[in-house]
Amino acid sequence: MGLSTRDAWRVVKEQFAQSYQQQYPAGDIGQAWKVLSGKALEQIVAQEFQNQIQQAGLGQQTQIQHWDQVRNPLVKQILSESLWLRGELQEPYLAESKVDFIAMELQNGQPVRVVAVYSCKASLAERFQQDLFWADRLRGRGIRFCLITLDNAGVLHEAIQTGQLTRKEAKMAASLYDRVYLLSDESIQRFTRVFRTIDLLAEDLKRWLEAG
């Protein structure tokens, strides 16, 4: 049996710390990990998507791509916004959302619709500022806006356990995102419309594909 996503993250972090300490005995492990942890988390999430899509039999219906993998200009265009400079009659600046993962519906092997996008971050504070803008824009285009997080500060775990959205970050997460997926093995019994464990990625995606 393979490791859970949460355990896989713990193993990656431990292996990094051991390797870094051997190479740089006097180095700042915490700062180095902060720089590299985002990419490490994205790799784990990409593997989780691949496994779940395969197990759910959705490989012919959907495609998951990281932003950097997207080559279809229409996909990036629908996930971007033209910004005009103070009414000046010049070509607008194209601001890209650069969401981490994009789920697309396929027909005959070609993408025909962006179903959902996913921000992937270790803590909530890293995303709120930019996601407030993009959640409104993309949801208006029929695209679900989701977050995948470790919840390092424990804000969401506290809300799930107590049933109270007392902290600002928890309130914002519950109202801003269509889904917030936690890298957790604990069953979630409260606020389940929004807060979900990461093993339910494919289940939600299948539901959205069927809903059209």
Protein backbone atom coordinates (compact mmCIF):
# COMPACT_ATOMS: atom_id res chain seq x y z
CA MET A 1 0.00 0.00 0.00
CA GLY A 2 1.37 3.43 -0.93
CA LEU A 3 1.85 6.36 1.38
CA SER A 4 -0.98 8.78 2.00
CA THR A 5 -0.49 12.24 0.53
CA ARG A 6 0.16 13.69 3.98
CA ASP A 7 2.75 11.00 4.75
CA ALA A 8 4.37 11.50 1.34
CA TRP A 9 4.76 15.20 2.16
CA ARG A 10 6.34 14.37 5.52
CA VAL A 11 8.81 11.97 3.87
CA VAL A 12 9.79 14.53 1.22
CA LYS A 13 10.38 17.16 3.90
CA GLU A 14 12.49 14.80 6.03
CA GLN A 15 14.56 13.70 3.04
CA PHE A 16 15.16 17.30 2.04
CA ALA A 17 16.26 18.27 5.56
CA GLN A 18 18.68 15.35 5.74
CA SER A 19 20.17 16.03 2.32
CA TYR A 20 20.44 19.79 2.91
CA GLN A 21 22.14 19.37 6.26
CA GLN A 22 24.72 17.03 4.75
CA GLN A 23 25.53 19.50 1.96
CA TYR A 24 25.27 22.72 3.95
CA PRO A 25 25.91 22.02 7.67
CA ALA A 26 25.76 25.71 8.55
CA GLY A 27 22.88 26.54 6.21
CA ASP A 28 19.38 27.70 7.10
CA ILE A 29 17.22 24.63 6.48
CA GLY A 30 13.99 26.49 7.21
CA GLN A 31 14.62 29.19 4.62
CA ALA A 32 15.80 26.70 2.00
CA TRP A 33 12.73 24.54 2.52
CA LYS A 34 10.46 27.58 2.25
CA VAL A 35 11.92 28.31 -1.18
CA LEU A 36 11.57 24.74 -2.48
CA SER A 37 8.47 23.50 -0.67
CA GLY A 38 6.07 25.01 -3.19
CA LYS A 39 7.49 22.94 -6.03
CA ALA A 40 7.61 19.84 -3.84
CA LEU A 41 3.93 20.25 -2.98
CA GLU A 42 3.00 20.71 -6.63
CA GLN A 43 4.78 17.48 -7.53
CA ILE A 44 2.88 15.54 -4.88
CA VAL A 45 -0.44 17.05 -5.99
CA ALA A 46 0.31 16.28 -9.65
CA GLN A 47 0.88 12.64 -8.73
CA GLU A 48 -2.32 12.62 -6.69
CA PHE A 49 -4.29 13.94 -9.67
CA GLN A 50 -2.77 11.32 -11.96
CA ASN A 51 -3.59 8.45 -9.59
CA GLN A 52 -7.15 9.57 -8.92
CA ILE A 53 -8.00 10.30 -12.56
CA GLN A 54 -6.76 6.85 -13.53
CA GLN A 55 -8.62 5.07 -10.72
CA ALA A 56 -11.85 6.94 -11.50
CA GLY A 57 -11.62 6.09 -15.20
CA LEU A 58 -11.67 9.75 -16.24
CA GLY A 59 -8.61 9.64 -18.48
CA GLN A 60 -10.64 9.96 -21.69
CA GLN A 61 -12.86 12.71 -20.32
CA THR A 62 -10.49 15.08 -18.65
CA GLN A 63 -6.96 16.40 -18.67
CA ILE A 64 -5.06 17.97 -15.78
CA GLN A 65 -2.23 20.32 -16.64
CA HIS A 66 0.09 22.57 -14.68
CA TRP A 67 0.04 26.16 -15.90
CA ASP A 68 3.56 25.79 -17.33
CA GLN A 69 2.44 22.78 -19.40
CA VAL A 70 -0.43 24.55 -21.18
CA ARG A 71 0.23 25.15 -24.88
CA ASN A 72 -3.33 25.90 -26.02
CA PRO A 73 -3.56 29.72 -26.20
CA LEU A 74 -7.33 29.69 -25.65
CA VAL A 75 -6.89 27.96 -22.29
CA LYS A 76 -4.54 30.65 -21.03
CA GLN A 77 -6.71 33.36 -22.55
CA ILE A 78 -9.84 32.33 -20.63
CA LEU A 79 -7.75 32.25 -17.46
CA SER A 80 -6.40 35.75 -18.00
CA GLU A 81 -7.74 39.29 -17.91
CA SER A 82 -7.14 42.26 -20.21
CA LEU A 83 -6.24 45.36 -18.19
CA TRP A 84 -6.59 48.76 -19.82
CA LEU A 85 -4.28 51.58 -18.76
CA ARG A 86 -6.41 54.46 -17.47
CA GLY A 87 -8.60 54.68 -20.52
CA GLU A 88 -5.70 54.97 -22.94
CA LEU A 89 -6.41 53.62 -26.43
CA GLN A 90 -3.54 51.20 -26.48
CA GLU A 91 -3.32 47.43 -26.52
CA PRO A 92 -4.31 46.21 -23.04
CA TYR A 93 -1.95 44.42 -20.71
CA LEU A 94 -2.83 40.73 -20.40
CA ALA A 95 -2.67 39.67 -16.75
CA GLU A 96 -2.40 35.90 -16.36
CA SER A 97 -3.92 34.11 -13.38
CA LYS A 98 -1.13 31.49 -13.39
CA VAL A 99 -3.21 29.10 -11.34
CA ASP A 100 -1.24 25.97 -10.51
CA PHE A 101 -3.45 23.23 -11.99
CA ILE A 102 -6.15 23.31 -14.65
CA ALA A 103 -8.80 20.62 -15.18
CA MET A 104 -10.18 20.52 -18.73
CA GLU A 105 -12.98 18.50 -20.29
CA LEU A 106 -11.93 16.54 -23.38
CA GLN A 107 -13.86 15.59 -26.50
CA ASN A 108 -12.08 13.46 -29.07
CA GLY A 109 -8.87 14.07 -27.19
CA GLN A 110 -9.14 17.87 -27.41
CA PRO A 111 -9.94 20.31 -24.59
CA VAL A 112 -13.35 21.94 -24.99
CA ARG A 113 -13.95 23.44 -21.55
CA VAL A 114 -12.07 24.52 -18.44
CA VAL A 115 -13.95 22.84 -15.61
CA ALA A 116 -11.91 23.90 -12.58
CA VAL A 117 -8.64 25.49 -11.54
CA TYR A 118 -6.58 24.85 -8.42
CA SER A 119 -4.26 27.03 -6.39
CA CYS A 120 -1.74 24.89 -4.55
CA LYS A 121 -0.09 26.42 -1.47
CA ALA A 122 1.26 25.36 1.90
CA SER A 123 -0.51 28.13 3.83
CA LEU A 124 -3.64 30.22 3.33
CA ALA A 125 -2.01 33.64 3.55
CA GLU A 126 0.01 33.00 0.41
CA ARG A 127 -3.01 33.08 -1.89
CA PHE A 128 -5.77 35.28 -0.55
CA GLN A 129 -4.69 38.58 -2.03
CA GLN A 130 -4.42 37.44 -5.63
CA ASP A 131 -7.16 34.82 -5.39
CA LEU A 132 -9.75 37.39 -4.33
CA PHE A 133 -9.41 38.94 -7.77
CA TRP A 134 -9.26 35.75 -9.81
CA ALA A 135 -12.04 33.90 -8.01
CA ASP A 136 -14.53 36.56 -9.07
CA ARG A 137 -13.30 36.71 -12.67
CA LEU A 138 -13.07 32.98 -13.32
CA ARG A 139 -16.22 31.94 -11.49
CA GLY A 140 -18.09 34.43 -13.69
CA ARG A 141 -16.91 32.32 -16.65
CA GLY A 142 -18.31 29.13 -15.16
CA ILE A 143 -14.97 27.86 -13.84
CA ARG A 144 -14.76 26.36 -10.36
CA PHE A 145 -12.01 27.91 -8.26
CA CYS A 146 -10.33 25.62 -5.73
CA LEU A 147 -7.48 25.60 -3.25
CA ILE A 148 -5.24 22.68 -2.28
CA THR A 149 -3.40 23.38 0.96
CA LEU A 150 -1.39 21.84 3.76
CA ASP A 151 -2.94 24.35 6.17
CA ASN A 152 0.39 24.66 7.96
CA ALA A 153 -1.03 27.09 10.52
CA GLY A 154 -3.89 24.71 11.38
CA VAL A 155 -6.56 27.36 10.78
CA LEU A 156 -8.88 25.12 8.76
CA HIS A 157 -8.30 22.06 10.92
CA GLU A 158 -9.38 24.15 13.91
CA ALA A 159 -12.57 25.23 12.13
CA ILE A 160 -13.36 21.66 11.10
CA GLN A 161 -12.85 20.32 14.61
CA THR A 162 -14.76 23.06 16.46
CA GLY A 163 -17.44 23.75 13.85
CA GLN A 164 -16.70 27.47 14.20
CA LEU A 165 -15.34 29.82 11.54
CA THR A 166 -13.91 32.17 14.13
CA ARG A 167 -10.65 33.08 12.41
CA LYS A 168 -10.55 35.44 9.44
CA GLU A 169 -8.58 33.02 7.24
CA ALA A 170 -11.15 30.26 7.74
CA LYS A 171 -14.05 32.59 6.91
CA MET A 172 -12.33 33.79 3.75
CA ALA A 173 -11.50 30.26 2.62
CA ALA A 174 -15.09 29.11 3.14
CA SER A 175 -16.50 32.00 1.11
CA LEU A 176 -13.83 32.44 -1.56
CA TYR A 177 -13.29 28.92 -2.95
CA ASP A 178 -15.65 26.35 -4.43
CA ARG A 179 -13.56 23.68 -2.70
CA VAL A 180 -10.65 23.68 -0.27
CA TYR A 181 -8.77 20.36 -0.31
CA LEU A 182 -6.65 19.52 2.71
CA LEU A 183 -3.73 17.12 2.76
CA SER A 184 -5.16 15.25 5.68
CA ASP A 185 -6.10 11.69 6.57
CA GLU A 186 -8.71 12.88 9.07
CA SER A 187 -12.36 12.59 8.14
CA ILE A 188 -14.06 15.98 7.69
CA GLN A 189 -17.51 16.20 9.24
CA ARG A 190 -18.15 19.95 9.21
CA PHE A 191 -18.34 22.49 6.37
CA THR A 192 -18.11 19.57 3.91
CA ARG A 193 -19.60 21.61 1.07
CA VAL A 194 -16.30 23.47 0.86
CA PHE A 195 -13.68 21.65 2.95
CA ARG A 196 -12.66 18.25 1.57
CA THR A 197 -9.79 15.81 1.93
CA ILE A 198 -7.50 15.61 -1.08
CA ASP A 199 -8.57 12.05 -1.92
CA LEU A 200 -11.90 13.49 -3.19
CA LEU A 201 -10.40 15.51 -6.06
CA ALA A 202 -11.60 13.09 -8.76
CA GLU A 203 -15.00 12.57 -7.14
CA ASP A 204 -15.77 16.30 -7.31
CA LEU A 205 -14.33 16.61 -10.80
CA LYS A 206 -16.53 13.76 -12.05
CA ARG A 207 -19.58 15.47 -10.55
CA TRP A 208 -18.72 18.75 -12.28
CA LEU A 209 -18.15 17.02 -15.61
CA GLU A 210 -21.59 15.39 -15.37
CA ALA A 211 -23.24 18.67 -14.38
CA GLY A 212 -21.91 20.35 -17.54
